[in-house]
Amino acid sequence: QVRLVESGGGLVQPGGSLRLSCAASGFTFSNYGMSWYRQAPGKERELVATISIYGGNTNYADSAKGRFTISRDNAKNSVYLQMNSLKPEDTAVYYCNAVRSLGSPPVFGSWGQGTQVTVSS
């Protein structure tokens, strides 16, 4: 059974930082790229960042470039998102999912509970 557990969100002031974590189980983690997505109230879920199987390639949404860094630890079946210089428009619930390659859609139809990020003064 696939399980994706996101954590690390919280309330942070504009300009602050957070590090999100996603612990994956129920599939062979090192066979897949991994992506972070986010969904703000009233908006569709959007892709934030993707990392390849061994971490050698990454892609970022324009909104995340230069501020966010995605990384992974295959020994821990985990993927991370370091978010710096946070803005109010980054407020959303953040999710992770597996992908078959950079630019491909999420693999698993069942999502984790997500982790709430709120950027506000």
C-alpha atoms as a PDB file:
ATOM      1  CA  GLN A   1       0.000   0.000   0.000  1.00  0.00           C
ATOM      2  CA  VAL A   2       1.442   3.321  -1.095  1.00  0.00           C
ATOM      3  CA  ARG A   3       1.830   5.839   1.682  1.00  0.00           C
ATOM      4  CA  LEU A   4       3.051   9.429   1.380  1.00  0.00           C
ATOM      5  CA  VAL A   5       3.407  11.387   4.615  1.00  0.00           C
ATOM      6  CA  GLU A   6       4.239  15.076   4.382  1.00  0.00           C
ATOM      7  CA  SER A   7       5.452  17.139   7.313  1.00  0.00           C
ATOM      8  CA  GLY A   8       7.297  20.308   8.228  1.00  0.00           C
ATOM      9  CA  GLY A   9       4.730  22.946   7.381  1.00  0.00           C
ATOM     10  CA  GLY A  10       3.698  25.764   9.654  1.00  0.00           C
ATOM     11  CA  LEU A  11       3.147  29.468  10.047  1.00  0.00           C
ATOM     12  CA  VAL A  12       6.060  31.631   8.963  1.00  0.00           C
ATOM     13  CA  GLN A  13       6.549  35.332   8.341  1.00  0.00           C
ATOM     14  CA  PRO A  14       7.284  36.641   4.856  1.00  0.00           C
ATOM     15  CA  GLY A  15      10.954  36.167   4.093  1.00  0.00           C
ATOM     16  CA  GLY A  16      11.202  33.169   6.380  1.00  0.00           C
ATOM     17  CA  SER A  17      12.140  29.577   5.623  1.00  0.00           C
ATOM     18  CA  LEU A  18      10.681  26.110   6.039  1.00  0.00           C
ATOM     19  CA  ARG A  19      11.894  22.627   5.196  1.00  0.00           C
ATOM     20  CA  LEU A  20       9.244  20.144   4.167  1.00  0.00           C
ATOM     21  CA  SER A  21       9.721  16.395   4.320  1.00  0.00           C
ATOM     22  CA  CYS A  22       7.890  13.545   2.634  1.00  0.00           C
ATOM     23  CA  ALA A  23       8.300   9.992   3.842  1.00  0.00           C
ATOM     24  CA  ALA A  24       7.321   7.413   1.231  1.00  0.00           C
ATOM     25  CA  SER A  25       6.535   3.718   1.615  1.00  0.00           C
ATOM     26  CA  GLY A  26       4.767   0.930  -0.238  1.00  0.00           C
ATOM     27  CA  PHE A  27       6.715   1.257  -3.481  1.00  0.00           C
ATOM     28  CA  THR A  28      10.323   1.142  -4.645  1.00  0.00           C
ATOM     29  CA  PHE A  29      11.262   4.744  -3.951  1.00  0.00           C
ATOM     30  CA  SER A  30      14.509   4.662  -5.907  1.00  0.00           C
ATOM     31  CA  ASN A  31      12.660   3.675  -9.094  1.00  0.00           C
ATOM     32  CA  TYR A  32      10.819   6.970  -9.341  1.00  0.00           C
ATOM     33  CA  GLY A  33      11.381  10.652  -9.623  1.00  0.00           C
ATOM     34  CA  MET A  34       9.593  12.643  -6.949  1.00  0.00           C
ATOM     35  CA  SER A  35       7.672  15.879  -7.092  1.00  0.00           C
ATOM     36  CA  TRP A  36       6.256  18.438  -4.720  1.00  0.00           C
ATOM     37  CA  TYR A  37       2.891  20.009  -5.471  1.00  0.00           C
ATOM     38  CA  ARG A  38       0.806  22.603  -3.714  1.00  0.00           C
ATOM     39  CA  GLN A  39      -2.823  23.609  -3.611  1.00  0.00           C
ATOM     40  CA  ALA A  40      -3.969  26.997  -2.425  1.00  0.00           C
ATOM     41  CA  PRO A  41      -7.575  27.634  -1.353  1.00  0.00           C
ATOM     42  CA  GLY A  42      -9.851  27.829  -4.361  1.00  0.00           C
ATOM     43  CA  LYS A  43      -7.100  26.874  -6.791  1.00  0.00           C
ATOM     44  CA  GLU A  44      -6.049  23.720  -8.559  1.00  0.00           C
ATOM     45  CA  ARG A  45      -3.100  21.673  -7.402  1.00  0.00           C
ATOM     46  CA  GLU A  46       0.085  22.816  -9.117  1.00  0.00           C
ATOM     47  CA  LEU A  47       3.541  21.373  -9.590  1.00  0.00           C
ATOM     48  CA  VAL A  48       6.272  23.054  -7.568  1.00  0.00           C
ATOM     49  CA  ALA A  49       9.428  21.001  -8.108  1.00  0.00           C
ATOM     50  CA  THR A  50      10.626  17.633  -9.382  1.00  0.00           C
ATOM     51  CA  ILE A  51      13.779  15.627  -8.756  1.00  0.00           C
ATOM     52  CA  SER A  52      15.060  12.685 -10.763  1.00  0.00           C
ATOM     53  CA  ILE A  53      15.711   9.217  -9.374  1.00  0.00           C
ATOM     54  CA  TYR A  54      19.256   9.877  -8.175  1.00  0.00           C
ATOM     55  CA  GLY A  55      18.864  13.612  -7.715  1.00  0.00           C
ATOM     56  CA  GLY A  56      20.983  14.638 -10.669  1.00  0.00           C
ATOM     57  CA  ASN A  57      18.226  16.583 -12.386  1.00  0.00           C
ATOM     58  CA  THR A  58      15.668  18.972 -10.963  1.00  0.00           C
ATOM     59  CA  ASN A  59      12.895  21.139 -12.347  1.00  0.00           C
ATOM     60  CA  TYR A  60      11.133  24.036 -10.687  1.00  0.00           C
ATOM     61  CA  ALA A  61       8.038  26.057 -11.351  1.00  0.00           C
ATOM     62  CA  ASP A  62       8.895  29.642 -12.207  1.00  0.00           C
ATOM     63  CA  SER A  63       7.421  30.714  -8.881  1.00  0.00           C
ATOM     64  CA  ALA A  64       9.884  28.461  -7.020  1.00  0.00           C
ATOM     65  CA  LYS A  65      13.083  29.075  -8.961  1.00  0.00           C
ATOM     66  CA  GLY A  66      15.851  30.618  -6.912  1.00  0.00           C
ATOM     67  CA  ARG A  67      13.947  30.217  -3.640  1.00  0.00           C
ATOM     68  CA  PHE A  68      13.115  26.507  -3.279  1.00  0.00           C
ATOM     69  CA  THR A  69      15.421  23.495  -3.397  1.00  0.00           C
ATOM     70  CA  ILE A  70      14.232  19.925  -3.787  1.00  0.00           C
ATOM     71  CA  SER A  71      16.398  17.042  -2.585  1.00  0.00           C
ATOM     72  CA  ARG A  72      16.013  13.377  -1.765  1.00  0.00           C
ATOM     73  CA  ASP A  73      17.555  10.626   0.325  1.00  0.00           C
ATOM     74  CA  ASN A  74      16.951   7.225  -1.240  1.00  0.00           C
ATOM     75  CA  ALA A  75      18.297   5.453   1.843  1.00  0.00           C
ATOM     76  CA  LYS A  76      15.511   7.061   3.866  1.00  0.00           C
ATOM     77  CA  ASN A  77      12.816   6.911   1.181  1.00  0.00           C
ATOM     78  CA  SER A  78      12.349  10.615   1.648  1.00  0.00           C
ATOM     79  CA  VAL A  79      12.148  13.768  -0.406  1.00  0.00           C
ATOM     80  CA  TYR A  80      12.554  17.292   0.913  1.00  0.00           C
ATOM     81  CA  LEU A  81      11.700  20.834  -0.090  1.00  0.00           C
ATOM     82  CA  GLN A  82      13.748  23.664   1.346  1.00  0.00           C
ATOM     83  CA  MET A  83      11.782  26.867   0.962  1.00  0.00           C
ATOM     84  CA  ASN A  84      13.478  30.213   1.501  1.00  0.00           C
ATOM     85  CA  SER A  85      12.338  33.807   1.056  1.00  0.00           C
ATOM     86  CA  LEU A  86       8.751  32.724   1.508  1.00  0.00           C
ATOM     87  CA  LYS A  87       5.961  34.942   0.245  1.00  0.00           C
ATOM     88  CA  PRO A  88       2.281  35.126   1.179  1.00  0.00           C
ATOM     89  CA  GLU A  89       1.435  33.626  -2.202  1.00  0.00           C
ATOM     90  CA  ASP A  90       3.296  30.458  -1.186  1.00  0.00           C
ATOM     91  CA  THR A  91       0.509  29.762   1.282  1.00  0.00           C
ATOM     92  CA  ALA A  92      -0.946  26.365   0.369  1.00  0.00           C
ATOM     93  CA  VAL A  93      -1.131  22.727   1.334  1.00  0.00           C
ATOM     94  CA  TYR A  94       1.970  20.976   0.022  1.00  0.00           C
ATOM     95  CA  TYR A  95       1.967  17.385  -1.218  1.00  0.00           C
ATOM     96  CA  CYS A  96       4.488  14.946  -2.653  1.00  0.00           C
ATOM     97  CA  ASN A  97       4.017  12.207  -5.222  1.00  0.00           C
ATOM     98  CA  ALA A  98       6.109   9.986  -7.440  1.00  0.00           C
ATOM     99  CA  VAL A  99       6.649  10.644 -11.145  1.00  0.00           C
ATOM    100  CA  ARG A 100       8.058   8.430 -13.886  1.00  0.00           C
ATOM    101  CA  SER A 101      10.205  11.194 -15.293  1.00  0.00           C
ATOM    102  CA  LEU A 102      10.637  14.938 -15.166  1.00  0.00           C
ATOM    103  CA  GLY A 103       7.549  16.547 -16.623  1.00  0.00           C
ATOM    104  CA  SER A 104       5.327  13.503 -16.291  1.00  0.00           C
ATOM    105  CA  PRO A 105       2.140  13.448 -14.193  1.00  0.00           C
ATOM    106  CA  PRO A 106       1.938  12.021 -10.665  1.00  0.00           C
ATOM    107  CA  VAL A 107       1.966   8.247 -10.499  1.00  0.00           C
ATOM    108  CA  PHE A 108      -0.295   7.599  -7.566  1.00  0.00           C
ATOM    109  CA  GLY A 109      -3.920   8.612  -7.453  1.00  0.00           C
ATOM    110  CA  SER A 110      -4.012   8.550  -3.673  1.00  0.00           C
ATOM    111  CA  TRP A 111      -2.380  11.524  -2.032  1.00  0.00           C
ATOM    112  CA  GLY A 112      -1.133  12.051   1.485  1.00  0.00           C
ATOM    113  CA  GLN A 113      -2.730  14.462   3.898  1.00  0.00           C
ATOM    114  CA  GLY A 114      -0.347  17.226   2.875  1.00  0.00           C
ATOM    115  CA  THR A 115       1.308  19.784   5.103  1.00  0.00           C
ATOM    116  CA  GLN A 116      -0.059  23.303   5.501  1.00  0.00           C
ATOM    117  CA  VAL A 117       2.264  26.222   4.830  1.00  0.00           C
ATOM    118  CA  THR A 118       1.002  29.638   5.831  1.00  0.00           C
ATOM    119  CA  VAL A 119       3.058  32.734   5.123  1.00  0.00           C
ATOM    120  CA  SER A 120       1.723  35.724   6.973  1.00  0.00           C
ATOM    121  CA  SER A 121       2.846  38.557   9.184  1.00  0.00           C
END
